[in-house]
């Protein structure tokens, strides 16, 4: 994890990076390697995290231990499962298992 004060970058299983920005901060600017256009967000968003069917019960247990309510849980017609909950800023988060999407 990299924490720069106004954002953090989290390693996702050595395959991806999840960038999380603090609400109210505008990001971007000139760097030695190039210019990053200004960006930021307002309002709530939706982020999904992949997990396996085998690991999903452990995530549900952890949510319960942290007193984070599950808003919805269902199995898609394609066989994957989604579990929806919110972070402290009201963003909708989701754990999803394989077979939710044709590509996952």
N, C-alpha and C. Protein backbone atom coordinates (compact mmCIF):
# COMPACT_ATOMS: atom_id res chain seq x y z
N UNK A 1 0.84 -1.18 0.00
CA UNK A 1 0.00 0.00 0.00
C UNK A 1 0.89 1.24 0.00
N UNK A 2 0.51 2.19 -0.81
CA UNK A 2 1.14 3.50 -0.83
C UNK A 2 0.12 4.50 -0.33
N UNK A 3 0.47 5.31 0.67
CA UNK A 3 -0.44 6.31 1.21
C UNK A 3 0.21 7.67 1.04
N UNK A 4 -0.37 8.49 0.19
CA UNK A 4 0.18 9.82 -0.12
C UNK A 4 -0.57 10.94 0.59
N UNK A 5 -1.40 10.63 1.59
CA UNK A 5 -2.14 11.66 2.30
C UNK A 5 -3.52 11.92 1.73
N UNK A 6 -3.61 12.17 0.41
CA UNK A 6 -4.90 12.44 -0.22
C UNK A 6 -5.39 11.27 -1.06
N UNK A 7 -4.55 10.24 -1.20
CA UNK A 7 -4.98 9.01 -1.85
C UNK A 7 -4.09 7.87 -1.39
N UNK A 8 -4.55 6.65 -1.60
CA UNK A 8 -3.70 5.49 -1.36
C UNK A 8 -3.84 4.53 -2.52
N UNK A 9 -2.81 3.77 -2.76
CA UNK A 9 -2.79 2.77 -3.83
C UNK A 9 -2.62 1.40 -3.18
N UNK A 10 -3.56 0.51 -3.45
CA UNK A 10 -3.54 -0.82 -2.85
C UNK A 10 -3.24 -1.86 -3.91
N UNK A 11 -2.33 -2.77 -3.61
CA UNK A 11 -2.04 -3.89 -4.48
C UNK A 11 -3.20 -4.88 -4.40
N UNK A 12 -3.65 -5.36 -5.54
CA UNK A 12 -4.73 -6.34 -5.59
C UNK A 12 -4.16 -7.63 -6.16
N UNK A 13 -3.76 -8.51 -5.26
CA UNK A 13 -3.27 -9.85 -5.61
C UNK A 13 -2.13 -9.83 -6.62
N UNK A 14 -1.33 -8.76 -6.63
CA UNK A 14 -0.21 -8.69 -7.55
C UNK A 14 -0.61 -8.55 -9.01
N UNK A 15 -1.93 -8.33 -9.28
CA UNK A 15 -2.41 -8.25 -10.66
C UNK A 15 -2.99 -6.90 -11.02
N UNK A 16 -3.42 -6.14 -10.01
CA UNK A 16 -4.08 -4.87 -10.26
C UNK A 16 -3.74 -3.89 -9.15
N UNK A 17 -4.14 -2.65 -9.35
CA UNK A 17 -3.98 -1.62 -8.33
C UNK A 17 -5.32 -0.94 -8.15
N UNK A 18 -5.71 -0.73 -6.90
CA UNK A 18 -6.92 0.01 -6.58
C UNK A 18 -6.49 1.33 -5.99
N UNK A 19 -6.88 2.43 -6.65
CA UNK A 19 -6.58 3.77 -6.16
C UNK A 19 -7.81 4.29 -5.43
N UNK A 20 -7.61 4.78 -4.21
CA UNK A 20 -8.70 5.35 -3.42
C UNK A 20 -8.32 6.79 -3.10
N UNK A 21 -9.19 7.73 -3.49
CA UNK A 21 -8.93 9.15 -3.30
C UNK A 21 -9.81 9.70 -2.19
N UNK A 22 -9.28 10.63 -1.41
CA UNK A 22 -10.05 11.29 -0.35
C UNK A 22 -11.09 12.20 -0.99
N UNK A 23 -12.28 12.18 -0.43
CA UNK A 23 -13.36 13.01 -0.93
C UNK A 23 -12.97 14.48 -0.80
N UNK A 24 -13.32 15.27 -1.81
CA UNK A 24 -13.07 16.70 -1.77
C UNK A 24 -11.72 17.13 -2.32
N UNK A 25 -10.87 16.18 -2.70
CA UNK A 25 -9.56 16.52 -3.25
C UNK A 25 -9.58 16.39 -4.76
N UNK A 26 -9.04 17.36 -5.45
CA UNK A 26 -8.88 17.29 -6.89
C UNK A 26 -7.49 16.74 -7.16
N UNK A 27 -7.37 15.85 -8.12
CA UNK A 27 -6.10 15.19 -8.40
C UNK A 27 -5.65 15.49 -9.81
N UNK A 28 -4.38 15.37 -10.04
CA UNK A 28 -3.80 15.61 -11.35
C UNK A 28 -2.68 16.62 -11.23
N UNK A 29 -2.05 16.90 -12.36
CA UNK A 29 -0.97 17.88 -12.37
C UNK A 29 0.19 17.44 -13.23
N UNK A 30 1.15 18.32 -13.32
CA UNK A 30 2.33 18.06 -14.14
C UNK A 30 3.32 17.23 -13.36
N UNK A 31 3.86 16.22 -14.02
CA UNK A 31 4.90 15.38 -13.44
C UNK A 31 6.07 15.38 -14.41
N UNK A 32 7.22 14.91 -14.00
CA UNK A 32 8.39 14.86 -14.88
C UNK A 32 8.12 14.01 -16.12
N UNK A 33 7.28 12.99 -15.98
CA UNK A 33 7.01 12.08 -17.10
C UNK A 33 5.82 12.50 -17.95
N UNK A 34 5.06 13.50 -17.52
CA UNK A 34 3.90 13.94 -18.29
C UNK A 34 2.84 14.57 -17.40
N UNK A 35 1.74 14.98 -18.03
CA UNK A 35 0.66 15.66 -17.32
C UNK A 35 -0.50 14.71 -17.07
N UNK A 36 -0.94 14.63 -15.82
CA UNK A 36 -2.14 13.87 -15.48
C UNK A 36 -3.30 14.86 -15.47
N UNK A 37 -4.34 14.65 -16.30
CA UNK A 37 -5.47 15.57 -16.31
C UNK A 37 -6.17 15.61 -14.95
N UNK A 38 -6.76 16.76 -14.59
CA UNK A 38 -7.47 16.85 -13.32
C UNK A 38 -8.61 15.84 -13.25
N UNK A 39 -8.77 15.24 -12.10
CA UNK A 39 -9.87 14.30 -11.91
C UNK A 39 -10.21 14.21 -10.43
N UNK A 40 -11.36 13.74 -10.17
CA UNK A 40 -11.88 13.57 -8.83
C UNK A 40 -13.34 13.19 -8.97
N UNK A 41 -13.97 12.93 -7.89
CA UNK A 41 -15.35 12.51 -7.99
C UNK A 41 -16.20 13.13 -6.89
N UNK A 42 -17.46 13.21 -7.16
CA UNK A 42 -18.42 13.63 -6.16
C UNK A 42 -19.55 12.62 -6.16
N UNK A 43 -20.26 12.58 -5.07
CA UNK A 43 -21.36 11.62 -4.98
C UNK A 43 -20.86 10.22 -4.69
N UNK A 44 -21.77 9.28 -4.72
CA UNK A 44 -21.40 7.90 -4.43
C UNK A 44 -21.06 7.16 -5.70
N UNK A 45 -20.31 6.08 -5.56
CA UNK A 45 -19.94 5.25 -6.70
C UNK A 45 -20.11 3.79 -6.31
N UNK A 46 -19.82 2.91 -7.25
CA UNK A 46 -19.94 1.47 -7.05
C UNK A 46 -18.62 0.83 -7.44
N UNK A 47 -18.09 0.02 -6.54
CA UNK A 47 -16.84 -0.70 -6.79
C UNK A 47 -17.07 -2.16 -6.47
N UNK A 48 -16.67 -3.05 -7.37
CA UNK A 48 -16.78 -4.48 -7.14
C UNK A 48 -15.42 -5.11 -6.94
N UNK A 49 -15.34 -6.06 -6.02
CA UNK A 49 -14.11 -6.80 -5.73
C UNK A 49 -14.34 -8.28 -6.00
N UNK A 50 -13.48 -8.87 -6.81
CA UNK A 50 -13.61 -10.28 -7.10
C UNK A 50 -13.14 -11.12 -5.91
N UNK A 51 -13.82 -12.22 -5.70
CA UNK A 51 -13.44 -13.19 -4.68
C UNK A 51 -13.89 -14.56 -5.17
N UNK A 52 -13.51 -15.59 -4.48
CA UNK A 52 -13.92 -16.94 -4.85
C UNK A 52 -15.14 -17.34 -4.04
N UNK A 53 -15.86 -18.34 -4.52
CA UNK A 53 -16.98 -18.89 -3.75
C UNK A 53 -16.49 -19.38 -2.40
N UNK A 54 -15.31 -19.99 -2.36
CA UNK A 54 -14.77 -20.53 -1.11
C UNK A 54 -14.45 -19.42 -0.10
N UNK A 55 -14.01 -18.24 -0.58
CA UNK A 55 -13.64 -17.15 0.32
C UNK A 55 -14.80 -16.24 0.71
N UNK A 56 -15.91 -16.32 -0.01
CA UNK A 56 -17.03 -15.42 0.24
C UNK A 56 -17.56 -15.51 1.68
N UNK A 57 -17.74 -16.70 2.27
CA UNK A 57 -18.23 -16.75 3.66
C UNK A 57 -17.30 -16.03 4.65
N UNK A 58 -16.00 -16.09 4.43
CA UNK A 58 -15.07 -15.38 5.32
C UNK A 58 -15.25 -13.87 5.21
N UNK A 59 -15.50 -13.37 4.00
CA UNK A 59 -15.75 -11.94 3.83
C UNK A 59 -17.05 -11.54 4.51
N UNK A 60 -18.07 -12.38 4.40
CA UNK A 60 -19.34 -12.08 5.06
C UNK A 60 -19.17 -12.07 6.58
N UNK A 61 -18.37 -12.98 7.10
CA UNK A 61 -18.08 -13.01 8.54
C UNK A 61 -17.37 -11.74 8.96
N UNK A 62 -16.39 -11.32 8.17
CA UNK A 62 -15.65 -10.10 8.50
C UNK A 62 -16.57 -8.88 8.49
N UNK A 63 -17.46 -8.78 7.52
CA UNK A 63 -18.42 -7.67 7.49
C UNK A 63 -19.27 -7.67 8.75
N UNK A 64 -19.74 -8.84 9.17
CA UNK A 64 -20.55 -8.94 10.38
C UNK A 64 -19.74 -8.54 11.61
N UNK A 65 -18.48 -8.96 11.69
CA UNK A 65 -17.63 -8.59 12.83
C UNK A 65 -17.43 -7.09 12.91
N UNK A 66 -17.40 -6.42 11.77
CA UNK A 66 -17.22 -4.97 11.72
C UNK A 66 -18.54 -4.23 11.77
N UNK A 67 -19.64 -4.95 11.97
CA UNK A 67 -20.99 -4.38 12.02
C UNK A 67 -21.35 -3.62 10.75
N UNK A 68 -20.94 -4.16 9.62
CA UNK A 68 -21.27 -3.58 8.32
C UNK A 68 -22.42 -4.39 7.74
N UNK A 69 -23.60 -3.76 7.61
CA UNK A 69 -24.73 -4.53 7.11
C UNK A 69 -24.62 -4.88 5.62
N UNK A 70 -25.06 -6.06 5.28
CA UNK A 70 -25.17 -6.48 3.89
C UNK A 70 -26.51 -5.97 3.39
N UNK A 71 -26.50 -5.18 2.31
CA UNK A 71 -27.73 -4.63 1.76
C UNK A 71 -28.46 -5.62 0.87
N UNK A 72 -27.70 -6.46 0.19
CA UNK A 72 -28.30 -7.41 -0.72
C UNK A 72 -27.30 -8.52 -1.01
N UNK A 73 -27.84 -9.74 -1.17
CA UNK A 73 -27.02 -10.88 -1.58
C UNK A 73 -27.90 -11.75 -2.46
N UNK A 74 -27.36 -12.13 -3.63
CA UNK A 74 -28.12 -13.03 -4.49
C UNK A 74 -27.17 -13.75 -5.43
N UNK A 75 -27.67 -14.82 -6.03
CA UNK A 75 -26.94 -15.58 -7.03
C UNK A 75 -27.52 -15.24 -8.39
N UNK A 76 -26.65 -14.86 -9.30
CA UNK A 76 -27.04 -14.49 -10.66
C UNK A 76 -27.49 -15.74 -11.43
N UNK A 77 -28.29 -15.58 -12.49
CA UNK A 77 -28.69 -16.73 -13.30
C UNK A 77 -27.50 -17.49 -13.89
N UNK A 78 -26.38 -16.79 -14.06
CA UNK A 78 -25.18 -17.42 -14.61
C UNK A 78 -24.37 -18.19 -13.56
N UNK A 79 -24.78 -18.10 -12.27
CA UNK A 79 -24.15 -18.89 -11.22
C UNK A 79 -23.28 -18.13 -10.26
N UNK A 80 -22.88 -16.90 -10.57
CA UNK A 80 -22.05 -16.11 -9.66
C UNK A 80 -22.89 -15.49 -8.55
N UNK A 81 -22.23 -15.11 -7.47
CA UNK A 81 -22.91 -14.50 -6.32
C UNK A 81 -22.39 -13.09 -6.11
N UNK A 82 -23.30 -12.17 -5.76
CA UNK A 82 -22.95 -10.80 -5.41
C UNK A 82 -23.40 -10.51 -3.99
N UNK A 83 -22.53 -9.84 -3.22
CA UNK A 83 -22.85 -9.36 -1.88
C UNK A 83 -22.58 -7.86 -1.87
N UNK A 84 -23.61 -7.06 -1.58
CA UNK A 84 -23.52 -5.61 -1.63
C UNK A 84 -23.54 -5.02 -0.22
N UNK A 85 -22.69 -4.01 0.01
CA UNK A 85 -22.61 -3.31 1.29
C UNK A 85 -22.09 -1.92 1.02
N UNK A 86 -22.05 -1.06 2.04
CA UNK A 86 -21.59 0.33 1.85
C UNK A 86 -20.38 0.63 2.72
N UNK A 87 -19.53 1.53 2.22
CA UNK A 87 -18.41 2.02 3.03
C UNK A 87 -18.90 3.23 3.84
N UNK A 88 -18.06 3.77 4.72
CA UNK A 88 -18.51 4.90 5.56
C UNK A 88 -18.95 6.14 4.79
N UNK A 89 -18.48 6.32 3.54
CA UNK A 89 -18.90 7.46 2.74
C UNK A 89 -20.13 7.17 1.90
N UNK A 90 -20.72 5.99 2.04
CA UNK A 90 -21.94 5.65 1.33
C UNK A 90 -21.74 5.02 -0.04
N UNK A 91 -20.49 4.74 -0.43
CA UNK A 91 -20.25 4.08 -1.71
C UNK A 91 -20.73 2.64 -1.64
N UNK A 92 -21.34 2.18 -2.72
CA UNK A 92 -21.80 0.81 -2.80
C UNK A 92 -20.63 -0.09 -3.19
N UNK A 93 -20.31 -1.04 -2.33
CA UNK A 93 -19.23 -1.99 -2.59
C UNK A 93 -19.84 -3.37 -2.80
N UNK A 94 -19.12 -4.19 -3.54
CA UNK A 94 -19.66 -5.51 -3.89
C UNK A 94 -18.53 -6.52 -3.90
N UNK A 95 -18.77 -7.67 -3.29
CA UNK A 95 -17.93 -8.84 -3.50
C UNK A 95 -18.65 -9.67 -4.54
N UNK A 96 -17.93 -10.09 -5.58
CA UNK A 96 -18.55 -10.91 -6.60
C UNK A 96 -17.68 -12.09 -6.94
N UNK A 97 -18.33 -13.22 -7.15
CA UNK A 97 -17.62 -14.46 -7.45
C UNK A 97 -17.67 -14.72 -8.95
N UNK A 98 -16.83 -15.63 -9.44
CA UNK A 98 -16.87 -15.96 -10.86
C UNK A 98 -18.27 -16.34 -11.33
N UNK A 99 -18.53 -16.09 -12.59
CA UNK A 99 -19.79 -16.36 -13.29
C UNK A 99 -20.83 -15.26 -13.10
N UNK A 100 -20.42 -14.08 -12.58
CA UNK A 100 -21.33 -12.94 -12.56
C UNK A 100 -21.37 -12.31 -13.95
N UNK A 101 -20.21 -12.16 -14.57
CA UNK A 101 -20.08 -11.55 -15.89
C UNK A 101 -19.54 -12.59 -16.87
N UNK A 102 -19.81 -12.44 -18.15
CA UNK A 102 -19.26 -13.38 -19.13
C UNK A 102 -17.73 -13.41 -19.12
N UNK A 103 -17.09 -12.30 -18.77
CA UNK A 103 -15.63 -12.24 -18.74
C UNK A 103 -15.04 -12.60 -17.38
N UNK A 104 -15.92 -12.81 -16.38
CA UNK A 104 -15.43 -13.18 -15.06
C UNK A 104 -16.40 -14.16 -14.45
